[in-house]
């Protein structure tokens, strides 16, 4: 069932559980696996929210975090100068800091 979730649904589910400090290990493992499969379809906001959720829960899903980092860097590099502050407004602080550091 979770494999049918959209990238936004995966990110939002992870974010919601992290916001409540509920670390359901089987759920987070399933979100991690499904997210890796769909990482190319994630918007920057989905990448940031997913990274935050796993960090907030102190869940060490290294393959997912590696996939998020690679996808974010690829997307940022592809957009180059067109990634303006306006397009960053909806991003969480951590994502804005990542973008500004590149």
N, C-alpha and C. Protein backbone atom coordinates (compact mmCIF):
# COMPACT_ATOMS: atom_id res chain seq x y z
N UNK A 1 0.80 -1.19 0.00
CA UNK A 1 0.00 0.00 0.00
C UNK A 1 0.85 1.27 0.00
N UNK A 2 1.87 1.33 0.85
CA UNK A 2 2.69 2.54 0.90
C UNK A 2 3.44 2.75 -0.41
N UNK A 3 3.67 1.69 -1.16
CA UNK A 3 4.33 1.81 -2.45
C UNK A 3 3.46 2.55 -3.46
N UNK A 4 2.19 2.73 -3.14
CA UNK A 4 1.28 3.47 -4.01
C UNK A 4 1.21 4.94 -3.64
N UNK A 5 1.86 5.34 -2.56
CA UNK A 5 1.85 6.74 -2.13
C UNK A 5 2.59 7.61 -3.13
N UNK A 6 2.12 8.83 -3.31
CA UNK A 6 2.83 9.82 -4.13
C UNK A 6 4.04 10.32 -3.34
N UNK A 7 5.00 10.95 -4.01
CA UNK A 7 6.12 11.53 -3.27
C UNK A 7 5.66 12.49 -2.17
N UNK A 8 4.64 13.30 -2.46
CA UNK A 8 4.15 14.23 -1.45
C UNK A 8 3.55 13.47 -0.26
N UNK A 9 2.82 12.40 -0.53
CA UNK A 9 2.21 11.62 0.54
C UNK A 9 3.28 10.95 1.40
N UNK A 10 4.34 10.45 0.77
CA UNK A 10 5.44 9.84 1.53
C UNK A 10 6.09 10.88 2.44
N UNK A 11 6.40 12.04 1.87
CA UNK A 11 7.06 13.10 2.64
C UNK A 11 6.16 13.59 3.77
N UNK A 12 4.89 13.79 3.48
CA UNK A 12 3.95 14.30 4.47
C UNK A 12 3.74 13.29 5.60
N UNK A 13 3.67 12.02 5.26
CA UNK A 13 3.50 10.99 6.29
C UNK A 13 4.72 10.95 7.21
N UNK A 14 5.91 10.97 6.62
CA UNK A 14 7.13 10.98 7.44
C UNK A 14 7.18 12.23 8.31
N UNK A 15 6.87 13.38 7.71
CA UNK A 15 6.89 14.66 8.42
C UNK A 15 5.88 14.65 9.57
N UNK A 16 4.70 14.11 9.33
CA UNK A 16 3.65 14.07 10.36
C UNK A 16 4.06 13.22 11.54
N UNK A 17 4.59 12.04 11.26
CA UNK A 17 5.02 11.17 12.36
C UNK A 17 6.17 11.81 13.14
N UNK A 18 7.10 12.45 12.42
CA UNK A 18 8.21 13.10 13.10
C UNK A 18 7.72 14.27 13.95
N UNK A 19 6.75 15.01 13.43
CA UNK A 19 6.20 16.13 14.18
C UNK A 19 5.55 15.71 15.48
N UNK A 20 5.06 14.49 15.51
CA UNK A 20 4.45 13.93 16.72
C UNK A 20 5.45 13.11 17.53
N UNK A 21 6.69 13.04 17.07
CA UNK A 21 7.75 12.26 17.71
C UNK A 21 7.38 10.79 17.82
N UNK A 22 6.69 10.28 16.80
CA UNK A 22 6.31 8.86 16.74
C UNK A 22 7.21 8.15 15.76
N UNK A 23 8.15 7.39 16.28
CA UNK A 23 9.10 6.68 15.43
C UNK A 23 8.66 5.23 15.27
N UNK A 24 7.78 5.01 14.32
CA UNK A 24 7.31 3.67 13.99
C UNK A 24 8.33 3.08 13.01
N UNK A 25 9.21 2.24 13.53
CA UNK A 25 10.33 1.73 12.73
C UNK A 25 9.90 1.02 11.45
N UNK A 26 8.90 0.12 11.50
CA UNK A 26 8.48 -0.53 10.25
C UNK A 26 7.91 0.48 9.24
N UNK A 27 7.15 1.45 9.72
CA UNK A 27 6.59 2.46 8.83
C UNK A 27 7.70 3.30 8.21
N UNK A 28 8.64 3.75 9.02
CA UNK A 28 9.72 4.59 8.50
C UNK A 28 10.60 3.80 7.53
N UNK A 29 10.79 2.53 7.78
CA UNK A 29 11.56 1.70 6.84
C UNK A 29 10.81 1.58 5.51
N UNK A 30 9.50 1.42 5.58
CA UNK A 30 8.69 1.33 4.36
C UNK A 30 8.69 2.66 3.61
N UNK A 31 8.59 3.77 4.33
CA UNK A 31 8.65 5.09 3.70
C UNK A 31 10.01 5.28 3.04
N UNK A 32 11.06 4.87 3.73
CA UNK A 32 12.41 4.99 3.19
C UNK A 32 12.54 4.21 1.88
N UNK A 33 12.12 2.96 1.88
CA UNK A 33 12.23 2.13 0.68
C UNK A 33 11.40 2.69 -0.47
N UNK A 34 10.18 3.11 -0.18
CA UNK A 34 9.30 3.65 -1.22
C UNK A 34 9.85 4.99 -1.74
N UNK A 35 10.41 5.79 -0.85
CA UNK A 35 10.96 7.09 -1.25
C UNK A 35 12.16 6.92 -2.17
N UNK A 36 13.02 5.97 -1.85
CA UNK A 36 14.19 5.73 -2.71
C UNK A 36 13.74 5.37 -4.12
N UNK A 37 12.68 4.58 -4.21
CA UNK A 37 12.18 4.16 -5.53
C UNK A 37 11.63 5.34 -6.34
N UNK A 38 11.12 6.36 -5.64
CA UNK A 38 10.45 7.50 -6.30
C UNK A 38 11.23 8.80 -6.18
N UNK A 39 12.47 8.75 -5.71
CA UNK A 39 13.20 9.97 -5.36
C UNK A 39 13.30 10.96 -6.51
N UNK A 40 13.36 10.48 -7.74
CA UNK A 40 13.47 11.38 -8.89
C UNK A 40 12.20 12.21 -9.09
N UNK A 41 11.09 11.78 -8.52
CA UNK A 41 9.82 12.49 -8.65
C UNK A 41 9.56 13.47 -7.51
N UNK A 42 10.43 13.49 -6.51
CA UNK A 42 10.25 14.37 -5.35
C UNK A 42 10.55 15.81 -5.73
N UNK A 43 9.69 16.72 -5.28
CA UNK A 43 9.96 18.15 -5.37
C UNK A 43 10.97 18.48 -4.26
N UNK A 44 11.62 19.64 -4.38
CA UNK A 44 12.58 20.03 -3.34
C UNK A 44 11.96 20.05 -1.96
N UNK A 45 10.73 20.53 -1.86
CA UNK A 45 10.06 20.57 -0.56
C UNK A 45 9.86 19.16 0.01
N UNK A 46 9.52 18.19 -0.85
CA UNK A 46 9.37 16.81 -0.40
C UNK A 46 10.70 16.25 0.08
N UNK A 47 11.78 16.58 -0.63
CA UNK A 47 13.11 16.12 -0.22
C UNK A 47 13.46 16.70 1.15
N UNK A 48 13.23 18.00 1.32
CA UNK A 48 13.56 18.67 2.58
C UNK A 48 12.73 18.12 3.73
N UNK A 49 11.43 17.95 3.51
CA UNK A 49 10.57 17.45 4.58
C UNK A 49 10.93 16.02 4.97
N UNK A 50 11.27 15.20 4.00
CA UNK A 50 11.64 13.82 4.29
C UNK A 50 12.96 13.78 5.06
N UNK A 51 13.93 14.57 4.62
CA UNK A 51 15.21 14.62 5.33
C UNK A 51 15.01 15.10 6.76
N UNK A 52 14.19 16.13 6.93
CA UNK A 52 13.93 16.65 8.28
C UNK A 52 13.28 15.58 9.15
N UNK A 53 12.30 14.88 8.59
CA UNK A 53 11.57 13.87 9.37
C UNK A 53 12.50 12.79 9.89
N UNK A 54 13.34 12.26 9.01
CA UNK A 54 14.25 11.19 9.44
C UNK A 54 15.29 11.72 10.43
N UNK A 55 15.71 12.96 10.24
CA UNK A 55 16.65 13.57 11.19
C UNK A 55 15.99 13.79 12.54
N UNK A 56 14.77 14.33 12.53
CA UNK A 56 14.06 14.61 13.78
C UNK A 56 13.81 13.34 14.59
N UNK A 57 13.59 12.25 13.88
CA UNK A 57 13.35 10.97 14.56
C UNK A 57 14.64 10.22 14.86
N UNK A 58 15.76 10.83 14.47
CA UNK A 58 17.07 10.21 14.63
C UNK A 58 17.10 8.83 14.01
N UNK A 59 16.42 8.71 12.87
CA UNK A 59 16.40 7.46 12.12
C UNK A 59 17.54 7.47 11.12
N UNK A 60 18.38 6.50 11.20
CA UNK A 60 19.54 6.44 10.33
C UNK A 60 19.25 5.52 9.14
N UNK A 61 18.65 6.09 8.13
CA UNK A 61 18.39 5.36 6.88
C UNK A 61 19.34 5.94 5.85
N UNK A 62 20.62 5.53 5.94
CA UNK A 62 21.67 6.10 5.11
C UNK A 62 21.37 6.04 3.61
N UNK A 63 20.85 4.92 3.08
CA UNK A 63 20.56 4.91 1.64
C UNK A 63 19.54 5.99 1.25
N UNK A 64 18.55 6.23 2.09
CA UNK A 64 17.57 7.28 1.80
C UNK A 64 18.23 8.65 1.87
N UNK A 65 19.00 8.90 2.91
CA UNK A 65 19.64 10.21 3.05
C UNK A 65 20.62 10.46 1.90
N UNK A 66 21.32 9.42 1.46
CA UNK A 66 22.20 9.56 0.30
C UNK A 66 21.40 9.88 -0.96
N UNK A 67 20.26 9.22 -1.12
CA UNK A 67 19.40 9.46 -2.29
C UNK A 67 18.84 10.88 -2.26
N UNK A 68 18.44 11.34 -1.09
CA UNK A 68 17.92 12.71 -0.95
C UNK A 68 19.01 13.72 -1.31
N UNK A 69 20.19 13.53 -0.77
CA UNK A 69 21.29 14.46 -1.05
C UNK A 69 21.62 14.49 -2.54
N UNK A 70 21.70 13.32 -3.15
CA UNK A 70 22.01 13.27 -4.59
C UNK A 70 20.92 13.93 -5.42
N UNK A 71 19.66 13.68 -5.07
CA UNK A 71 18.55 14.27 -5.82
C UNK A 71 18.52 15.78 -5.64
N UNK A 72 18.76 16.26 -4.43
CA UNK A 72 18.75 17.70 -4.18
C UNK A 72 19.88 18.39 -4.93
N UNK A 73 21.06 17.83 -4.86
CA UNK A 73 22.20 18.43 -5.57
C UNK A 73 21.99 18.42 -7.08
N UNK A 74 21.47 17.33 -7.58
CA UNK A 74 21.20 17.23 -9.01
C UNK A 74 20.17 18.27 -9.44
N UNK A 75 19.11 18.39 -8.68
CA UNK A 75 18.05 19.35 -9.00
C UNK A 75 18.55 20.77 -8.93
N UNK A 76 19.32 21.07 -7.90
CA UNK A 76 19.85 22.42 -7.72
C UNK A 76 20.82 22.75 -8.86
N UNK A 77 21.68 21.81 -9.20
CA UNK A 77 22.63 22.02 -10.28
C UNK A 77 21.92 22.23 -11.61
N UNK A 78 20.87 21.46 -11.85
CA UNK A 78 20.12 21.56 -13.10
C UNK A 78 19.41 22.90 -13.22
N UNK A 79 18.93 23.42 -12.10
CA UNK A 79 18.20 24.68 -12.12
C UNK A 79 19.13 25.88 -12.10
N UNK A 80 20.36 25.68 -11.62
CA UNK A 80 21.36 26.73 -11.62
C UNK A 80 20.86 28.06 -11.10
N UNK A 81 21.10 29.10 -11.86
CA UNK A 81 20.73 30.45 -11.45
C UNK A 81 19.24 30.69 -11.41
N UNK A 82 18.45 29.81 -12.02
CA UNK A 82 17.01 30.04 -12.01
C UNK A 82 16.38 29.73 -10.65
N UNK A 83 17.16 29.12 -9.76
CA UNK A 83 16.65 28.85 -8.41
C UNK A 83 16.82 30.13 -7.58
N UNK A 84 15.83 30.97 -7.58
CA UNK A 84 15.90 32.26 -6.91
C UNK A 84 15.36 32.16 -5.50
N UNK A 85 15.54 33.24 -4.76
CA UNK A 85 14.98 33.28 -3.41
C UNK A 85 13.47 33.11 -3.45
N UNK A 86 12.82 33.60 -4.50
CA UNK A 86 11.36 33.45 -4.59
C UNK A 86 10.97 31.98 -4.62
N UNK A 87 11.72 31.16 -5.35
CA UNK A 87 11.37 29.75 -5.43
C UNK A 87 11.73 29.00 -4.16
N UNK A 88 12.51 29.63 -3.30
CA UNK A 88 12.90 29.00 -2.04
C UNK A 88 11.96 29.34 -0.89
N UNK A 89 11.05 30.27 -1.07
CA UNK A 89 10.22 30.75 0.02
C UNK A 89 9.47 29.65 0.75
N UNK A 90 9.00 28.63 0.03
CA UNK A 90 8.23 27.58 0.66
C UNK A 90 9.07 26.48 1.29
N UNK A 91 10.39 26.58 1.14
CA UNK A 91 11.26 25.54 1.67
C UNK A 91 11.54 25.74 3.15
N UNK A 92 11.68 24.66 3.89
CA UNK A 92 12.09 24.78 5.29
C UNK A 92 13.48 25.41 5.38
N UNK A 93 13.81 25.95 6.54
CA UNK A 93 15.09 26.64 6.74
C UNK A 93 16.26 25.77 6.34
N UNK A 94 16.26 24.51 6.68
CA UNK A 94 17.39 23.63 6.37
C UNK A 94 17.61 23.54 4.86
N UNK A 95 16.54 23.48 4.09
CA UNK A 95 16.66 23.40 2.65
C UNK A 95 17.18 24.72 2.08
N UNK A 96 16.72 25.85 2.63
CA UNK A 96 17.20 27.15 2.15
C UNK A 96 18.69 27.29 2.44
N UNK A 97 19.12 26.80 3.60
CA UNK A 97 20.54 26.87 3.93
C UNK A 97 21.36 25.99 2.99
N UNK A 98 20.84 24.81 2.65
CA UNK A 98 21.52 23.93 1.72
C UNK A 98 21.67 24.61 0.37
N UNK A 99 20.60 25.21 -0.12
CA UNK A 99 20.62 25.88 -1.41
C UNK A 99 21.60 27.04 -1.39
N UNK A 100 21.60 27.83 -0.34
CA UNK A 100 22.47 29.01 -0.30
C UNK A 100 23.94 28.63 -0.12
N UNK A 101 24.22 27.45 0.36
CA UNK A 101 25.61 27.04 0.56
C UNK A 101 26.28 26.52 -0.71
N UNK A 102 25.48 26.31 -1.74
CA UNK A 102 26.02 25.75 -2.99
C UNK A 102 26.42 26.85 -3.94
